[in-house]
Amino acid sequence: MSALHKIRPGGFTLIELLISIAIFSITLTFGISSYRTWVLGSQIRNAAESISNGMQHTRAEAVKRNTNVAFVLGAASAWQISVPSIPGVSGVVETRPSSEGSKNVAITVTPGGATTITYSNLGTVALNGDGSATLSQIDLDSSLAVSGVRALRVAIGVGGDPRVCDPSPAITNKSPPDPRRCY
């Protein structure tokens, strides 16, 4: 009777433990790559939406204040909204540091070297107060060499309305037209 009811001690054998560790390691290796791509994509989307929202806020401030208001793009997706300086009053309305969620984003502007777009009291694009070129397009991509990360673009329309779009040829040349495409 005792031979039929042998009780096996609980726990794992060494081979079972090693196989479990190997499977976990392989899964983790593939997961880290996907996670990194997702984080970089999130940083690009965060920067693009922040810039677009900053421009929309600038436009609204110009209409609200009935004066020209400038959106100034800084390094690595930092930006500032400012009004013409009034003696004794700070002209800065709002700022966003580049450290807020988009530290690995590279920015390319069109035309090259442009940093400012100024909105008039009617919400349309006005000439910059310093005579510099007006921003018309901002391309955002990862500053790290990681494949699979999708670049985005903030395109500024003729009337000054910013739009986040996907400049990828796979999206742009698609038929029927994809709503994410850049015009």
Protein backbone atom coordinates (compact mmCIF):
# COMPACT_ATOMS: atom_id res chain seq x y z
CA MET A 1 0.00 0.00 0.00
CA SER A 2 2.80 2.43 0.76
CA ALA A 3 4.30 1.85 -2.68
CA LEU A 4 1.11 3.08 -4.36
CA HIS A 5 0.86 6.26 -2.35
CA LYS A 6 4.36 7.65 -2.59
CA ILE A 7 4.37 11.35 -1.88
CA ARG A 8 6.69 13.37 -4.05
CA PRO A 9 8.36 16.32 -2.36
CA GLY A 10 7.06 19.73 -3.62
CA GLY A 11 9.15 22.32 -5.42
CA PHE A 12 11.01 22.70 -8.68
CA THR A 13 13.84 20.66 -10.02
CA LEU A 14 16.97 22.46 -11.18
CA ILE A 15 16.16 21.73 -14.84
CA GLU A 16 12.64 23.19 -14.52
CA LEU A 17 14.06 26.30 -12.91
CA LEU A 18 16.69 26.78 -15.66
CA ILE A 19 14.08 26.35 -18.42
CA SER A 20 11.82 28.91 -16.74
CA ILE A 21 14.68 31.42 -16.47
CA ALA A 22 15.60 30.89 -20.15
CA ILE A 23 12.00 31.45 -21.32
CA PHE A 24 11.70 34.57 -19.13
CA SER A 25 14.99 35.97 -20.49
CA ILE A 26 13.96 35.47 -24.13
CA THR A 27 10.57 37.11 -23.51
CA LEU A 28 12.21 40.03 -21.70
CA THR A 29 14.69 40.57 -24.54
CA PHE A 30 11.91 40.97 -27.12
CA GLY A 31 9.79 43.04 -24.73
CA ILE A 32 12.49 45.62 -23.98
CA SER A 33 12.94 46.42 -27.68
CA SER A 34 9.21 46.94 -28.19
CA TYR A 35 8.93 48.97 -25.00
CA ARG A 36 11.77 51.29 -26.02
CA THR A 37 10.17 51.88 -29.44
CA TRP A 38 6.85 52.64 -27.73
CA VAL A 39 8.45 55.10 -25.27
CA LEU A 40 10.29 56.97 -28.06
CA GLY A 41 7.08 57.12 -30.12
CA SER A 42 5.25 58.52 -27.10
CA GLN A 43 7.91 61.20 -26.65
CA ILE A 44 7.57 62.26 -30.30
CA ARG A 45 3.75 62.37 -30.04
CA ASN A 46 4.00 64.30 -26.77
CA ALA A 47 6.33 66.90 -28.31
CA ALA A 48 4.20 67.27 -31.47
CA GLU A 49 0.96 67.69 -29.53
CA SER A 50 2.62 70.11 -27.11
CA ILE A 51 3.90 72.30 -29.94
CA SER A 52 0.54 72.18 -31.73
CA ASN A 53 -1.36 73.04 -28.54
CA GLY A 54 1.10 75.85 -27.77
CA MET A 55 0.46 77.35 -31.21
CA GLN A 56 -3.30 77.09 -30.74
CA HIS A 57 -2.97 78.76 -27.34
CA THR A 58 -0.84 81.52 -28.91
CA ARG A 59 -3.51 82.10 -31.54
CA ALA A 60 -6.24 82.30 -28.89
CA GLU A 61 -4.15 84.72 -26.78
CA ALA A 62 -3.67 86.99 -29.80
CA VAL A 63 -7.41 87.20 -30.38
CA LYS A 64 -8.16 87.58 -26.65
CA ARG A 65 -5.57 90.34 -26.12
CA ASN A 66 -6.32 92.02 -29.48
CA THR A 67 -2.61 92.25 -30.28
CA ASN A 68 0.18 90.26 -31.89
CA VAL A 69 1.41 87.28 -29.86
CA ALA A 70 4.48 85.20 -30.74
CA PHE A 71 5.15 81.48 -30.38
CA VAL A 72 8.91 80.94 -30.06
CA LEU A 73 10.29 77.42 -30.52
CA GLY A 74 13.40 76.63 -28.50
CA ALA A 75 15.79 73.70 -28.53
CA ALA A 76 14.46 70.13 -28.19
CA SER A 77 10.72 70.97 -28.20
CA ALA A 78 10.88 73.77 -25.61
CA TRP A 79 8.65 76.73 -26.45
CA GLN A 80 7.44 80.07 -25.16
CA ILE A 81 4.43 82.29 -25.79
CA SER A 82 5.12 86.00 -25.50
CA VAL A 83 3.45 89.33 -26.24
CA PRO A 84 5.22 92.50 -27.34
CA SER A 85 7.07 93.90 -24.38
CA ILE A 86 5.26 96.55 -22.42
CA PRO A 87 7.56 98.69 -20.24
CA GLY A 88 7.67 97.22 -16.73
CA VAL A 89 5.57 94.15 -17.61
CA SER A 90 6.83 90.68 -18.47
CA GLY A 91 5.74 89.63 -21.93
CA VAL A 92 5.90 85.87 -21.27
CA VAL A 93 2.47 84.22 -21.19
CA GLU A 94 3.48 80.55 -20.96
CA THR A 95 6.57 78.37 -21.36
CA ARG A 96 7.27 74.67 -21.75
CA PRO A 97 10.69 73.25 -20.95
CA SER A 98 12.09 70.49 -23.16
CA SER A 99 12.47 68.20 -20.15
CA GLU A 100 8.71 67.61 -19.95
CA GLY A 101 8.34 64.20 -21.57
CA SER A 102 10.21 64.64 -24.83
CA LYS A 103 13.93 64.59 -24.12
CA ASN A 104 14.87 62.25 -27.02
CA VAL A 105 13.19 64.24 -29.79
CA ALA A 106 15.08 65.86 -32.66
CA ILE A 107 13.45 68.86 -34.35
CA THR A 108 13.92 70.16 -37.88
CA VAL A 109 12.18 73.41 -38.85
CA THR A 110 11.18 74.84 -42.21
CA PRO A 111 12.41 77.32 -43.27
CA GLY A 112 15.79 76.49 -41.77
CA GLY A 113 16.69 78.60 -38.77
CA ALA A 114 13.14 79.86 -38.18
CA THR A 115 12.02 79.83 -34.55
CA THR A 116 8.98 82.10 -34.38
CA ILE A 117 5.44 82.38 -35.65
CA THR A 118 3.42 85.46 -34.76
CA TYR A 119 -0.38 85.57 -34.73
CA SER A 120 -2.34 88.78 -35.24
CA ASN A 121 -5.43 89.91 -33.34
CA LEU A 122 -7.52 88.16 -36.01
CA GLY A 123 -5.81 84.80 -35.42
CA THR A 124 -3.94 84.87 -38.71
CA VAL A 125 -0.19 84.68 -39.26
CA ALA A 126 1.52 88.07 -39.04
CA LEU A 127 5.08 89.13 -39.77
CA ASN A 128 7.48 88.46 -36.92
CA GLY A 129 8.38 91.58 -34.96
CA ASP A 130 12.12 91.04 -35.49
CA GLY A 131 11.72 90.47 -39.25
CA SER A 132 12.83 86.82 -39.05
CA ALA A 133 11.36 84.04 -41.18
CA THR A 134 8.04 82.59 -40.00
CA LEU A 135 7.78 78.91 -39.03
CA SER A 136 5.82 76.89 -41.56
CA GLN A 137 6.67 73.30 -40.65
CA ILE A 138 8.26 71.40 -37.75
CA ASP A 139 9.46 67.81 -38.23
CA LEU A 140 9.92 65.68 -35.11
CA ASP A 141 11.89 62.43 -35.00
CA SER A 142 13.83 60.38 -32.48
CA SER A 143 17.31 61.64 -31.66
CA LEU A 144 18.29 58.02 -30.96
CA ALA A 145 19.01 55.49 -33.70
CA VAL A 146 16.08 53.13 -33.08
CA SER A 147 14.18 51.49 -35.91
CA GLY A 148 10.40 51.41 -35.99
CA VAL A 149 9.86 54.87 -34.48
CA ARG A 150 7.44 56.96 -36.54
CA ALA A 151 8.29 60.61 -37.19
CA LEU A 152 5.59 63.28 -37.01
CA ARG A 153 5.19 66.76 -38.47
CA VAL A 154 3.46 69.89 -37.23
CA ALA A 155 2.34 71.62 -40.42
CA ILE A 156 1.13 75.21 -40.22
CA GLY A 157 -1.66 75.98 -42.67
CA VAL A 158 -2.07 79.15 -44.69
CA GLY A 159 -4.38 80.63 -42.05
CA GLY A 160 -1.98 79.67 -39.26
CA ASP A 161 -3.75 76.59 -37.96
CA PRO A 162 -1.28 73.91 -36.75
CA ARG A 163 -1.93 70.28 -37.66
CA VAL A 164 -0.07 67.17 -36.49
CA CYS A 165 0.36 64.73 -39.37
CA ASP A 166 2.41 61.72 -40.49
CA PRO A 167 4.97 62.53 -43.24
CA SER A 168 5.61 58.85 -44.03
CA PRO A 169 5.29 58.10 -47.79
CA ALA A 170 3.36 54.93 -46.88
CA ILE A 171 0.66 57.16 -45.34
CA THR A 172 0.89 60.12 -47.72
CA ASN A 173 0.59 58.12 -50.96
CA LYS A 174 -2.13 55.76 -49.73
CA SER A 175 -5.37 55.34 -51.66
CA PRO A 176 -7.99 56.12 -50.41
CA PRO A 177 -6.33 59.06 -48.63
CA ASP A 178 -5.42 58.48 -44.99
CA PRO A 179 -6.59 61.25 -42.60
CA ARG A 180 -3.17 61.15 -40.84
CA ARG A 181 -1.31 62.18 -44.01
CA CYS A 182 0.42 65.50 -44.52
CA TYR A 183 -0.92 67.67 -47.34
